[in-house]
Amino acid sequence: MAVKATILKNGPIKIEGDFQVCDTAEATFNLPSGKPVFLCRCGLSANKPFCDGTHAKQGFQSEVKAV
């Protein structure tokens, strides 16, 4: 599957496909094989860069539409 990134309404970025997530030193995060990954958009997650659901508790709002 090609990589697909979906910006969720009032939530994280959902990434699906075959990809890696790396830190600034190029070290890769251990990701679950074949499962989507959710990256934090609100900046409030205690598990950055991954979403932990804090956006819902804090009322984060952002709806992105492709133009």
PDB file of N, CA and C in Angstrom:
ATOM      1  N   MET A   1       0.846  -1.194   0.000  1.00  0.00           N
ATOM      2  CA  MET A   1       0.000   0.000   0.000  1.00  0.00           C
ATOM      3  C   MET A   1       0.880   1.242   0.000  1.00  0.00           C
ATOM      4  N   ALA A   2       0.521   2.192  -0.828  1.00  0.00           N
ATOM      5  CA  ALA A   2       1.206   3.485  -0.819  1.00  0.00           C
ATOM      6  C   ALA A   2       0.911   4.185   0.498  1.00  0.00           C
ATOM      7  N   VAL A   3       1.780   5.080   0.901  1.00  0.00           N
ATOM      8  CA  VAL A   3       1.572   5.823   2.143  1.00  0.00           C
ATOM      9  C   VAL A   3       0.416   6.793   1.948  1.00  0.00           C
ATOM     10  N   LYS A   4      -0.472   6.823   2.935  1.00  0.00           N
ATOM     11  CA  LYS A   4      -1.614   7.735   2.914  1.00  0.00           C
ATOM     12  C   LYS A   4      -1.651   8.478   4.250  1.00  0.00           C
ATOM     13  N   ALA A   5      -1.699   9.797   4.198  1.00  0.00           N
ATOM     14  CA  ALA A   5      -1.820  10.630   5.394  1.00  0.00           C
ATOM     15  C   ALA A   5      -3.169  11.331   5.349  1.00  0.00           C
ATOM     16  N   THR A   6      -3.948  11.166   6.421  1.00  0.00           N
ATOM     17  CA  THR A   6      -5.267  11.782   6.517  1.00  0.00           C
ATOM     18  C   THR A   6      -5.279  12.706   7.726  1.00  0.00           C
ATOM     19  N   ILE A   7      -5.633  13.975   7.507  1.00  0.00           N
ATOM     20  CA  ILE A   7      -5.748  14.938   8.600  1.00  0.00           C
ATOM     21  C   ILE A   7      -7.157  14.799   9.167  1.00  0.00           C
ATOM     22  N   LEU A   8      -7.264  14.300  10.384  1.00  0.00           N
ATOM     23  CA  LEU A   8      -8.568  14.063  10.990  1.00  0.00           C
ATOM     24  C   LEU A   8      -9.135  15.349  11.590  1.00  0.00           C
ATOM     25  N   LYS A   9     -10.433  15.540  11.434  1.00  0.00           N
ATOM     26  CA  LYS A   9     -11.105  16.715  11.969  1.00  0.00           C
ATOM     27  C   LYS A   9     -10.940  16.759  13.481  1.00  0.00           C
ATOM     28  N   ASN A  10     -10.422  17.868  13.980  1.00  0.00           N
ATOM     29  CA  ASN A  10     -10.219  18.091  15.412  1.00  0.00           C
ATOM     30  C   ASN A  10      -9.354  17.013  16.056  1.00  0.00           C
ATOM     31  N   GLY A  11      -8.456  16.423  15.278  1.00  0.00           N
ATOM     32  CA  GLY A  11      -7.642  15.336  15.810  1.00  0.00           C
ATOM     33  C   GLY A  11      -6.287  15.225  15.145  1.00  0.00           C
ATOM     34  N   PRO A  12      -5.706  14.034  15.227  1.00  0.00           N
ATOM     35  CA  PRO A  12      -4.341  13.810  14.755  1.00  0.00           C
ATOM     36  C   PRO A  12      -4.245  13.596  13.250  1.00  0.00           C
ATOM     37  N   ILE A  13      -3.039  13.307  12.808  1.00  0.00           N
ATOM     38  CA  ILE A  13      -2.772  12.888  11.443  1.00  0.00           C
ATOM     39  C   ILE A  13      -2.680  11.365  11.462  1.00  0.00           C
ATOM     40  N   LYS A  14      -3.493  10.717  10.657  1.00  0.00           N
ATOM     41  CA  LYS A  14      -3.481   9.255  10.545  1.00  0.00           C
ATOM     42  C   LYS A  14      -2.619   8.886   9.346  1.00  0.00           C
ATOM     43  N   ILE A  15      -1.594   8.044   9.580  1.00  0.00           N
ATOM     44  CA  ILE A  15      -0.709   7.628   8.497  1.00  0.00           C
ATOM     45  C   ILE A  15      -0.813   6.116   8.338  1.00  0.00           C
ATOM     46  N   GLU A  16      -1.046   5.702   7.081  1.00  0.00           N
ATOM     47  CA  GLU A  16      -1.165   4.285   6.770  1.00  0.00           C
ATOM     48  C   GLU A  16      -0.202   3.935   5.648  1.00  0.00           C
ATOM     49  N   GLY A  17       0.260   2.689   5.622  1.00  0.00           N
ATOM     50  CA  GLY A  17       1.139   2.225   4.559  1.00  0.00           C
ATOM     51  C   GLY A  17       2.483   1.812   5.117  1.00  0.00           C
ATOM     52  N   ASP A  18       3.459   1.709   4.236  1.00  0.00           N
ATOM     53  CA  ASP A  18       4.805   1.300   4.612  1.00  0.00           C
ATOM     54  C   ASP A  18       5.676   2.545   4.755  1.00  0.00           C
ATOM     55  N   PHE A  19       6.018   2.915   5.986  1.00  0.00           N
ATOM     56  CA  PHE A  19       6.761   4.145   6.240  1.00  0.00           C
ATOM     57  C   PHE A  19       7.531   4.015   7.543  1.00  0.00           C
ATOM     58  N   GLN A  20       8.398   4.982   7.803  1.00  0.00           N
ATOM     59  CA  GLN A  20       9.134   5.083   9.064  1.00  0.00           C
ATOM     60  C   GLN A  20       8.883   6.463   9.654  1.00  0.00           C
ATOM     61  N   VAL A  21       8.958   6.543  10.968  1.00  0.00           N
ATOM     62  CA  VAL A  21       8.948   7.827  11.666  1.00  0.00           C
ATOM     63  C   VAL A  21      10.306   7.929  12.355  1.00  0.00           C
ATOM     64  N   CYS A  22      11.036   9.009  12.080  1.00  0.00           N
ATOM     65  CA  CYS A  22      12.383   9.193  12.616  1.00  0.00           C
ATOM     66  C   CYS A  22      12.463  10.457  13.465  1.00  0.00           C
ATOM     67  N   ASP A  23      13.390  10.438  14.426  1.00  0.00           N
ATOM     68  CA  ASP A  23      13.645  11.651  15.205  1.00  0.00           C
ATOM     69  C   ASP A  23      14.715  12.482  14.485  1.00  0.00           C
ATOM     70  N   THR A  24      15.153  13.575  15.094  1.00  0.00           N
ATOM     71  CA  THR A  24      16.110  14.462  14.429  1.00  0.00           C
ATOM     72  C   THR A  24      17.493  13.839  14.251  1.00  0.00           C
ATOM     73  N   ALA A  25      17.778  12.769  14.993  1.00  0.00           N
ATOM     74  CA  ALA A  25      19.056  12.064  14.845  1.00  0.00           C
ATOM     75  C   ALA A  25      18.932  10.894  13.867  1.00  0.00           C
ATOM     76  N   GLU A  26      17.787  10.803  13.170  1.00  0.00           N
ATOM     77  CA  GLU A  26      17.497   9.747  12.207  1.00  0.00           C
ATOM     78  C   GLU A  26      17.266   8.377  12.849  1.00  0.00           C
ATOM     79  N   ALA A  27      17.098   8.327  14.167  1.00  0.00           N
ATOM     80  CA  ALA A  27      16.719   7.078  14.835  1.00  0.00           C
ATOM     81  C   ALA A  27      15.243   6.837  14.557  1.00  0.00           C
ATOM     82  N   THR A  28      14.879   5.592  14.290  1.00  0.00           N
ATOM     83  CA  THR A  28      13.493   5.281  13.954  1.00  0.00           C
ATOM     84  C   THR A  28      12.726   4.797  15.170  1.00  0.00           C
ATOM     85  N   PHE A  29      11.462   5.189  15.217  1.00  0.00           N
ATOM     86  CA  PHE A  29      10.556   4.718  16.257  1.00  0.00           C
ATOM     87  C   PHE A  29      10.094   3.311  15.898  1.00  0.00           C
ATOM     88  N   ASN A  30       9.881   2.481  16.900  1.00  0.00           N
ATOM     89  CA  ASN A  30       9.357   1.138  16.695  1.00  0.00           C
ATOM     90  C   ASN A  30       7.851   1.249  16.484  1.00  0.00           C
ATOM     91  N   LEU A  31       7.394   0.946  15.267  1.00  0.00           N
ATOM     92  CA  LEU A  31       5.982   1.084  14.923  1.00  0.00           C
ATOM     93  C   LEU A  31       5.333  -0.282  14.756  1.00  0.00           C
ATOM     94  N   PRO A  32       4.047  -0.397  15.086  1.00  0.00           N
ATOM     95  CA  PRO A  32       3.350  -1.665  14.881  1.00  0.00           C
ATOM     96  C   PRO A  32       3.190  -1.946  13.390  1.00  0.00           C
ATOM     97  N   SER A  33       3.556  -3.121  12.979  1.00  0.00           N
ATOM     98  CA  SER A  33       3.509  -3.492  11.565  1.00  0.00           C
ATOM     99  C   SER A  33       2.075  -3.610  11.070  1.00  0.00           C
ATOM    100  N   GLY A  34       1.812  -2.966   9.935  1.00  0.00           N
ATOM    101  CA  GLY A  34       0.519  -3.085   9.294  1.00  0.00           C
ATOM    102  C   GLY A  34      -0.618  -2.316   9.953  1.00  0.00           C
ATOM    103  N   LYS A  35      -0.322  -1.501  10.951  1.00  0.00           N
ATOM    104  CA  LYS A  35      -1.363  -0.724  11.628  1.00  0.00           C
ATOM    105  C   LYS A  35      -1.135   0.760  11.382  1.00  0.00           C
ATOM    106  N   PRO A  36      -2.214   1.544  11.340  1.00  0.00           N
ATOM    107  CA  PRO A  36      -2.030   2.991  11.163  1.00  0.00           C
ATOM    108  C   PRO A  36      -1.377   3.617  12.389  1.00  0.00           C
ATOM    109  N   VAL A  37      -0.708   4.728  12.172  1.00  0.00           N
ATOM    110  CA  VAL A  37      -0.072   5.501  13.238  1.00  0.00           C
ATOM    111  C   VAL A  37      -0.755   6.861  13.271  1.00  0.00           C
ATOM    112  N   PHE A  38      -0.938   7.395  14.463  1.00  0.00           N
ATOM    113  CA  PHE A  38      -1.597   8.688  14.639  1.00  0.00           C
ATOM    114  C   PHE A  38      -0.598   9.666  15.234  1.00  0.00           C
ATOM    115  N   LEU A  39      -0.291  10.734  14.486  1.00  0.00           N
ATOM    116  CA  LEU A  39       0.657  11.749  14.931  1.00  0.00           C
ATOM    117  C   LEU A  39      -0.089  12.952  15.499  1.00  0.00           C
ATOM    118  N   CYS A  40       0.420  13.463  16.611  1.00  0.00           N
ATOM    119  CA  CYS A  40      -0.187  14.594  17.317  1.00  0.00           C
ATOM    120  C   CYS A  40      -0.132  15.854  16.455  1.00  0.00           C
ATOM    121  N   ARG A  41      -1.251  16.587  16.426  1.00  0.00           N
ATOM    122  CA  ARG A  41      -1.306  17.891  15.763  1.00  0.00           C
ATOM    123  C   ARG A  41      -1.485  19.020  16.748  1.00  0.00           C
ATOM    124  N   CYS A  42      -1.987  18.711  17.944  1.00  0.00           N
ATOM    125  CA  CYS A  42      -2.326  19.775  18.891  1.00  0.00           C
ATOM    126  C   CYS A  42      -1.135  20.216  19.740  1.00  0.00           C
ATOM    127  N   GLY A  43      -0.105  19.380  19.826  1.00  0.00           N
ATOM    128  CA  GLY A  43       1.074  19.722  20.627  1.00  0.00           C
ATOM    129  C   GLY A  43       0.937  19.402  22.100  1.00  0.00           C
ATOM    130  N   LEU A  44      -0.160  18.792  22.508  1.00  0.00           N
ATOM    131  CA  LEU A  44      -0.412  18.539  23.927  1.00  0.00           C
ATOM    132  C   LEU A  44      -0.161  17.100  24.360  1.00  0.00           C
ATOM    133  N   SER A  45       0.122  16.199  23.439  1.00  0.00           N
ATOM    134  CA  SER A  45       0.319  14.792  23.765  1.00  0.00           C
ATOM    135  C   SER A  45       1.510  14.597  24.696  1.00  0.00           C
ATOM    136  N   ALA A  46       1.370  13.693  25.654  1.00  0.00           N
ATOM    137  CA  ALA A  46       2.478  13.326  26.528  1.00  0.00           C
ATOM    138  C   ALA A  46       3.355  12.278  25.855  1.00  0.00           C
ATOM    139  N   ASN A  47       2.958  11.818  24.684  1.00  0.00           N
ATOM    140  CA  ASN A  47       3.679  10.766  23.972  1.00  0.00           C
ATOM    141  C   ASN A  47       4.087  11.231  22.566  1.00  0.00           C
ATOM    142  N   LYS A  48       4.508  12.493  22.449  1.00  0.00           N
ATOM    143  CA  LYS A  48       4.894  13.051  21.143  1.00  0.00           C
ATOM    144  C   LYS A  48       5.970  12.196  20.496  1.00  0.00           C
ATOM    145  N   PRO A  49       5.941  12.022  19.212  1.00  0.00           N
ATOM    146  CA  PRO A  49       5.098  12.680  18.231  1.00  0.00           C
ATOM    147  C   PRO A  49       3.742  12.001  18.044  1.00  0.00           C
ATOM    148  N   PHE A  50       3.446  11.008  18.856  1.00  0.00           N
ATOM    149  CA  PHE A  50       2.217  10.238  18.692  1.00  0.00           C
ATOM    150  C   PHE A  50       1.065  10.834  19.493  1.00  0.00           C
ATOM    151  N   CYS A  51      -0.130  10.655  18.991  1.00  0.00           N
ATOM    152  CA  CYS A  51      -1.336  11.157  19.642  1.00  0.00           C
ATOM    153  C   CYS A  51      -1.689  10.267  20.831  1.00  0.00           C
ATOM    154  N   ASP A  52      -2.077  10.896  21.936  1.00  0.00           N
ATOM    155  CA  ASP A  52      -2.562  10.136  23.096  1.00  0.00           C
ATOM    156  C   ASP A  52      -3.999  10.507  23.465  1.00  0.00           C
ATOM    157  N   GLY A  53      -4.674  11.269  22.591  1.00  0.00           N
ATOM    158  CA  GLY A  53      -6.068  11.625  22.821  1.00  0.00           C
ATOM    159  C   GLY A  53      -6.285  12.892  23.624  1.00  0.00           C
ATOM    160  N   THR A  54      -5.212  13.555  24.062  1.00  0.00           N
ATOM    161  CA  THR A  54      -5.339  14.767  24.874  1.00  0.00           C
ATOM    162  C   THR A  54      -6.101  15.861  24.143  1.00  0.00           C
ATOM    163  N   HIS A  55      -6.019  15.890  22.812  1.00  0.00           N
ATOM    164  CA  HIS A  55      -6.707  16.933  22.036  1.00  0.00           C
ATOM    165  C   HIS A  55      -8.202  16.978  22.352  1.00  0.00           C
ATOM    166  N   ALA A  56      -8.809  15.827  22.562  1.00  0.00           N
ATOM    167  CA  ALA A  56     -10.252  15.772  22.841  1.00  0.00           C
ATOM    168  C   ALA A  56     -10.583  16.388  24.197  1.00  0.00           C
ATOM    169  N   LYS A  57      -9.719  16.143  25.178  1.00  0.00           N
ATOM    170  CA  LYS A  57      -9.944  16.679  26.527  1.00  0.00           C
ATOM    171  C   LYS A  57      -9.731  18.184  26.579  1.00  0.00           C
ATOM    172  N   GLN A  58      -8.868  18.695  25.687  1.00  0.00           N
ATOM    173  CA  GLN A  58      -8.518  20.116  25.704  1.00  0.00           C
ATOM    174  C   GLN A  58      -9.314  20.948  24.704  1.00  0.00           C
ATOM    175  N   GLY A  59     -10.181  20.309  23.935  1.00  0.00           N
ATOM    176  CA  GLY A  59     -11.020  21.056  22.999  1.00  0.00           C
ATOM    177  C   GLY A  59     -10.319  21.520  21.736  1.00  0.00           C
ATOM    178  N   PHE A  60      -9.254  20.824  21.335  1.00  0.00           N
ATOM    179  CA  PHE A  60      -8.540  21.183  20.108  1.00  0.00           C
ATOM    180  C   PHE A  60      -9.504  21.150  18.923  1.00  0.00           C
ATOM    181  N   GLN A  61      -9.467  22.207  18.126  1.00  0.00           N
ATOM    182  CA  GLN A  61     -10.334  22.272  16.947  1.00  0.00           C
ATOM    183  C   GLN A  61      -9.528  22.704  15.736  1.00  0.00           C
ATOM    184  N   SER A  62      -9.627  21.899  14.696  1.00  0.00           N
ATOM    185  CA  SER A  62      -8.972  22.236  13.430  1.00  0.00           C
ATOM    186  C   SER A  62      -9.540  21.319  12.361  1.00  0.00           C
ATOM    187  N   GLU A  63     -10.184  21.907  11.389  1.00  0.00           N
ATOM    188  CA  GLU A  63     -10.697  21.143  10.265  1.00  0.00           C
ATOM    189  C   GLU A  63      -9.947  21.588   9.017  1.00  0.00           C
ATOM    190  N   VAL A  64      -9.259  20.635   8.374  1.00  0.00           N
ATOM    191  CA  VAL A  64      -8.463  20.929   7.198  1.00  0.00           C
ATOM    192  C   VAL A  64      -9.174  20.354   5.979  1.00  0.00           C
ATOM    193  N   LYS A  65      -9.323  21.175   4.949  1.00  0.00           N
ATOM    194  CA  LYS A  65      -9.945  20.711   3.702  1.00  0.00           C
ATOM    195  C   LYS A  65      -8.969  20.955   2.555  1.00  0.00           C
ATOM    196  N   ALA A  66      -8.848  19.956   1.701  1.00  0.00           N
ATOM    197  CA  ALA A  66      -7.976  20.091   0.526  1.00  0.00           C
ATOM    198  C   ALA A  66      -8.600  21.086  -0.449  1.00  0.00           C
ATOM    199  N   VAL A  67      -7.754  21.919  -1.029  1.00  0.00           N
ATOM    200  CA  VAL A  67      -8.227  22.894  -2.022  1.00  0.00           C
ATOM    201  C   VAL A  67      -7.491  22.712  -3.324  1.00  0.00           C
TER     202      VAL A  67
END
